[in-house]
Amino acid sequence: MRALLQRVSRASVTVDGRVVGRIERGFVVLLGVTHADTRAEAEWVAAKIAGLRVFEDEAGKMNLSLADVGGELLVVSQFTLYGDARKGRRPSFSDAAAPEHAEPLVDTFIEQLRRAGFTVATGVFGAHMDVEIHNDGPVTLLVEK
C-alpha cells in the first residue's frame, strides 16, 4: 500500500461539478493499493499517518501531529501510484489492485482514521475527480507498507 501524503492548508475534491469532499488544515492522502495488500497494511498505514509529526510547533519545528493541530484528512483512491513508467511511454498499471480488491481496503483505511477520531472527507472510488490541493510548506511524504 502506498500513500502519498501532502500537508495542506485546504483541499477539496469535485466529481461531475459537485464538491464531494472538502477539508481545511490537515492531510490529503492519495492512496494506492496493490494485489498483495491486506487489512493489516491498511491499518498500519492509517496508524502511521495518524501519528506523523509534520506540523510546526511554537519553535517552528515539525513536532506536532494531526491530532495536535485538530487537522482533517481528505482521502482519494489513486491506482496510478502503482504505475510503472520504466519502459516505453505508456505506464503499466498491472501492479495496481483490481477495484474489487482495492475498494474494501480503501474503506478500511478510512474507517481506521475515523475510529481514531479524525474527520475524514473522501473522493468517489473509481470516479474521475478534480482534486484541489493547497500544499502547505510544501510538505509531501510517501508512506509505504
C-alpha atoms as a PDB file:
ATOM      1  CA  MET A   1       0.000   0.000   0.000  1.00  0.00           C
ATOM      2  CA  ARG A   2       1.266   3.434  -0.913  1.00  0.00           C
ATOM      3  CA  ALA A   3       0.040   6.707   0.500  1.00  0.00           C
ATOM      4  CA  LEU A   4       1.275   9.971  -0.939  1.00  0.00           C
ATOM      5  CA  LEU A   5       0.658  12.394   1.886  1.00  0.00           C
ATOM      6  CA  GLN A   6       0.506  16.149   1.452  1.00  0.00           C
ATOM      7  CA  ARG A   7       0.182  18.596   4.310  1.00  0.00           C
ATOM      8  CA  VAL A   8      -2.399  21.147   3.222  1.00  0.00           C
ATOM      9  CA  SER A   9      -3.938  24.416   4.312  1.00  0.00           C
ATOM     10  CA  ARG A  10      -7.116  23.324   2.496  1.00  0.00           C
ATOM     11  CA  ALA A  11      -8.230  20.875  -0.171  1.00  0.00           C
ATOM     12  CA  SER A  12     -11.310  19.658  -1.975  1.00  0.00           C
ATOM     13  CA  VAL A  13     -12.417  17.035  -4.467  1.00  0.00           C
ATOM     14  CA  THR A  14     -15.086  17.574  -7.116  1.00  0.00           C
ATOM     15  CA  VAL A  15     -16.950  14.955  -9.158  1.00  0.00           C
ATOM     16  CA  ASP A  16     -19.204  15.977 -12.054  1.00  0.00           C
ATOM     17  CA  GLY A  17     -19.070  19.625 -10.981  1.00  0.00           C
ATOM     18  CA  ARG A  18     -20.123  18.875  -7.377  1.00  0.00           C
ATOM     19  CA  VAL A  19     -17.811  19.152  -4.373  1.00  0.00           C
ATOM     20  CA  VAL A  20     -17.934  15.741  -2.658  1.00  0.00           C
ATOM     21  CA  GLY A  21     -15.201  16.302  -0.078  1.00  0.00           C
ATOM     22  CA  ARG A  22     -13.543  19.334   1.498  1.00  0.00           C
ATOM     23  CA  ILE A  23     -11.131  19.909   4.367  1.00  0.00           C
ATOM     24  CA  GLU A  24      -9.247  22.732   5.961  1.00  0.00           C
ATOM     25  CA  ARG A  25      -5.828  22.237   7.600  1.00  0.00           C
ATOM     26  CA  GLY A  26      -4.653  18.652   7.510  1.00  0.00           C
ATOM     27  CA  PHE A  27      -3.566  15.959   5.073  1.00  0.00           C
ATOM     28  CA  VAL A  28      -4.546  14.939   1.591  1.00  0.00           C
ATOM     29  CA  VAL A  29      -3.842  11.235   1.217  1.00  0.00           C
ATOM     30  CA  LEU A  30      -3.598   9.802  -2.286  1.00  0.00           C
ATOM     31  CA  LEU A  31      -3.920   6.077  -1.587  1.00  0.00           C
ATOM     32  CA  GLY A  32      -2.791   3.241  -3.857  1.00  0.00           C
ATOM     33  CA  VAL A  33      -3.460  -0.459  -3.285  1.00  0.00           C
ATOM     34  CA  THR A  34      -1.567  -3.392  -4.805  1.00  0.00           C
ATOM     35  CA  HIS A  35      -2.513  -7.075  -5.151  1.00  0.00           C
ATOM     36  CA  ALA A  36      -0.743  -8.326  -2.012  1.00  0.00           C
ATOM     37  CA  ASP A  37      -2.242  -5.716   0.317  1.00  0.00           C
ATOM     38  CA  THR A  38      -4.476  -6.834   3.164  1.00  0.00           C
ATOM     39  CA  ARG A  39      -6.401  -5.255   6.013  1.00  0.00           C
ATOM     40  CA  ALA A  40      -3.145  -5.278   8.017  1.00  0.00           C
ATOM     41  CA  GLU A  41      -1.444  -2.933   5.543  1.00  0.00           C
ATOM     42  CA  ALA A  42      -4.430  -0.589   5.524  1.00  0.00           C
ATOM     43  CA  GLU A  43      -4.466  -0.437   9.318  1.00  0.00           C
ATOM     44  CA  TRP A  44      -0.682   0.063   9.556  1.00  0.00           C
ATOM     45  CA  VAL A  45      -0.608   2.908   7.014  1.00  0.00           C
ATOM     46  CA  ALA A  46      -3.583   4.625   8.694  1.00  0.00           C
ATOM     47  CA  ALA A  47      -1.904   4.419  12.112  1.00  0.00           C
ATOM     48  CA  LYS A  48       1.398   5.692  10.718  1.00  0.00           C
ATOM     49  CA  ILE A  49      -0.258   8.708   9.083  1.00  0.00           C
ATOM     50  CA  ALA A  50      -2.337   9.458  12.190  1.00  0.00           C
ATOM     51  CA  GLY A  51       0.826   9.680  14.288  1.00  0.00           C
ATOM     52  CA  LEU A  52       3.157  11.561  11.946  1.00  0.00           C
ATOM     53  CA  ARG A  53       4.519  14.764  13.431  1.00  0.00           C
ATOM     54  CA  VAL A  54       4.852  17.137  10.495  1.00  0.00           C
ATOM     55  CA  PHE A  55       3.127  20.276  11.754  1.00  0.00           C
ATOM     56  CA  GLU A  56       5.203  23.096  13.252  1.00  0.00           C
ATOM     57  CA  ASP A  57       5.272  23.798  16.962  1.00  0.00           C
ATOM     58  CA  GLU A  58       5.887  27.241  18.543  1.00  0.00           C
ATOM     59  CA  ALA A  59       9.592  26.940  17.705  1.00  0.00           C
ATOM     60  CA  GLY A  60       8.902  26.220  14.027  1.00  0.00           C
ATOM     61  CA  LYS A  61       9.954  22.553  14.309  1.00  0.00           C
ATOM     62  CA  MET A  62       7.894  19.752  12.763  1.00  0.00           C
ATOM     63  CA  ASN A  63       6.849  18.337  16.113  1.00  0.00           C
ATOM     64  CA  LEU A  64       3.040  18.233  16.103  1.00  0.00           C
ATOM     65  CA  SER A  65       0.708  15.529  14.843  1.00  0.00           C
ATOM     66  CA  LEU A  66      -2.591  15.824  13.019  1.00  0.00           C
ATOM     67  CA  ALA A  67      -4.440  15.354  16.317  1.00  0.00           C
ATOM     68  CA  ASP A  68      -2.334  18.050  17.998  1.00  0.00           C
ATOM     69  CA  VAL A  69      -3.465  20.645  15.449  1.00  0.00           C
ATOM     70  CA  GLY A  70      -7.074  19.435  15.092  1.00  0.00           C
ATOM     71  CA  GLY A  71      -6.421  18.529  11.462  1.00  0.00           C
ATOM     72  CA  GLU A  72      -8.640  16.751   8.968  1.00  0.00           C
ATOM     73  CA  LEU A  73      -7.981  14.304   6.135  1.00  0.00           C
ATOM     74  CA  LEU A  74      -9.088  14.064   2.530  1.00  0.00           C
ATOM     75  CA  VAL A  75      -8.552  10.534   1.189  1.00  0.00           C
ATOM     76  CA  VAL A  76      -8.538   9.930  -2.566  1.00  0.00           C
ATOM     77  CA  SER A  77      -8.056   6.480  -4.081  1.00  0.00           C
ATOM     78  CA  GLN A  78      -5.201   6.675  -6.588  1.00  0.00           C
ATOM     79  CA  PHE A  79      -4.413   3.479  -8.534  1.00  0.00           C
ATOM     80  CA  THR A  80      -1.833   5.375 -10.606  1.00  0.00           C
ATOM     81  CA  LEU A  81       0.533   5.327  -7.609  1.00  0.00           C
ATOM     82  CA  TYR A  82       1.302   1.801  -8.811  1.00  0.00           C
ATOM     83  CA  GLY A  83       2.001   2.913 -12.371  1.00  0.00           C
ATOM     84  CA  ASP A  84       5.296   1.690 -13.813  1.00  0.00           C
ATOM     85  CA  ALA A  85       6.777   4.058 -16.404  1.00  0.00           C
ATOM     86  CA  ARG A  86      10.236   2.472 -16.673  1.00  0.00           C
ATOM     87  CA  LYS A  87       9.606   1.050 -20.149  1.00  0.00           C
ATOM     88  CA  GLY A  88       8.024   2.739 -23.117  1.00  0.00           C
ATOM     89  CA  ARG A  89       5.839   5.822 -22.989  1.00  0.00           C
ATOM     90  CA  ARG A  90       2.613   4.364 -21.633  1.00  0.00           C
ATOM     91  CA  PRO A  91       2.746   3.349 -17.961  1.00  0.00           C
ATOM     92  CA  SER A  92       1.724  -0.138 -16.941  1.00  0.00           C
ATOM     93  CA  PHE A  93      -0.760  -0.375 -14.115  1.00  0.00           C
ATOM     94  CA  SER A  94      -0.517  -4.143 -13.639  1.00  0.00           C
ATOM     95  CA  ASP A  95       0.737  -3.692 -10.056  1.00  0.00           C
ATOM     96  CA  ALA A  96      -2.445  -1.828  -9.058  1.00  0.00           C
ATOM     97  CA  ALA A  97      -5.095  -3.956  -7.371  1.00  0.00           C
ATOM     98  CA  ALA A  98      -8.390  -4.598  -9.125  1.00  0.00           C
ATOM     99  CA  PRO A  99     -11.253  -2.439  -7.856  1.00  0.00           C
ATOM    100  CA  GLU A 100     -12.968  -5.344  -6.061  1.00  0.00           C
ATOM    101  CA  HIS A 101      -9.782  -5.872  -4.005  1.00  0.00           C
ATOM    102  CA  ALA A 102      -8.803  -2.221  -3.595  1.00  0.00           C
ATOM    103  CA  GLU A 103     -12.094  -0.587  -2.608  1.00  0.00           C
ATOM    104  CA  PRO A 104     -12.657  -2.561   0.632  1.00  0.00           C
ATOM    105  CA  LEU A 105      -9.080  -1.782   1.707  1.00  0.00           C
ATOM    106  CA  VAL A 106      -9.542   1.922   0.995  1.00  0.00           C
ATOM    107  CA  ASP A 107     -12.713   1.746   3.101  1.00  0.00           C
ATOM    108  CA  THR A 108     -10.787   0.012   5.913  1.00  0.00           C
ATOM    109  CA  PHE A 109      -8.122   2.725   5.797  1.00  0.00           C
ATOM    110  CA  ILE A 110     -10.762   5.472   6.050  1.00  0.00           C
ATOM    111  CA  GLU A 111     -12.629   3.689   8.865  1.00  0.00           C
ATOM    112  CA  GLN A 112      -9.425   3.321  10.898  1.00  0.00           C
ATOM    113  CA  LEU A 113      -8.818   7.058  10.724  1.00  0.00           C
ATOM    114  CA  ARG A 114     -12.416   7.830  11.679  1.00  0.00           C
ATOM    115  CA  ARG A 115     -12.209   5.427  14.637  1.00  0.00           C
ATOM    116  CA  ALA A 116      -9.120   7.323  15.744  1.00  0.00           C
ATOM    117  CA  GLY A 117     -11.333  10.413  15.985  1.00  0.00           C
ATOM    118  CA  PHE A 118     -10.403  12.227  12.792  1.00  0.00           C
ATOM    119  CA  THR A 119     -12.720  13.975  10.366  1.00  0.00           C
ATOM    120  CA  VAL A 120     -12.198  12.238   7.014  1.00  0.00           C
ATOM    121  CA  ALA A 121     -13.564  13.505   3.713  1.00  0.00           C
ATOM    122  CA  THR A 122     -13.257  11.340   0.604  1.00  0.00           C
ATOM    123  CA  GLY A 123     -13.416  11.298  -3.120  1.00  0.00           C
ATOM    124  CA  VAL A 124     -15.564   8.789  -5.022  1.00  0.00           C
ATOM    125  CA  PHE A 125     -13.868   5.447  -5.681  1.00  0.00           C
ATOM    126  CA  GLY A 126     -13.322   4.905  -9.410  1.00  0.00           C
ATOM    127  CA  ALA A 127     -14.701   8.289 -10.461  1.00  0.00           C
ATOM    128  CA  HIS A 128     -12.911  10.949 -12.465  1.00  0.00           C
ATOM    129  CA  MET A 129     -12.102  13.567  -9.817  1.00  0.00           C
ATOM    130  CA  ASP A 130     -10.782  17.113  -9.799  1.00  0.00           C
ATOM    131  CA  VAL A 131      -8.639  17.460  -6.692  1.00  0.00           C
ATOM    132  CA  GLU A 132      -7.670  20.918  -5.477  1.00  0.00           C
ATOM    133  CA  ILE A 133      -4.716  20.815  -3.118  1.00  0.00           C
ATOM    134  CA  HIS A 134      -3.157  23.778  -1.327  1.00  0.00           C
ATOM    135  CA  ASN A 135       0.093  22.122  -0.244  1.00  0.00           C
ATOM    136  CA  ASP A 136       1.398  23.737   2.948  1.00  0.00           C
ATOM    137  CA  GLY A 137       5.159  24.052   3.101  1.00  0.00           C
ATOM    138  CA  PRO A 138       5.230  22.244   0.748  1.00  0.00           C
ATOM    139  CA  VAL A 139       5.358  19.023   2.741  1.00  0.00           C
ATOM    140  CA  THR A 140       4.892  15.783   0.799  1.00  0.00           C
ATOM    141  CA  LEU A 141       5.767  12.297   2.076  1.00  0.00           C
ATOM    142  CA  LEU A 142       5.458   8.772   0.739  1.00  0.00           C
ATOM    143  CA  VAL A 143       4.252   6.240   3.331  1.00  0.00           C
ATOM    144  CA  GLU A 144       4.528   2.658   2.144  1.00  0.00           C
ATOM    145  CA  LYS A 145       3.948  -0.776   3.700  1.00  0.00           C
END
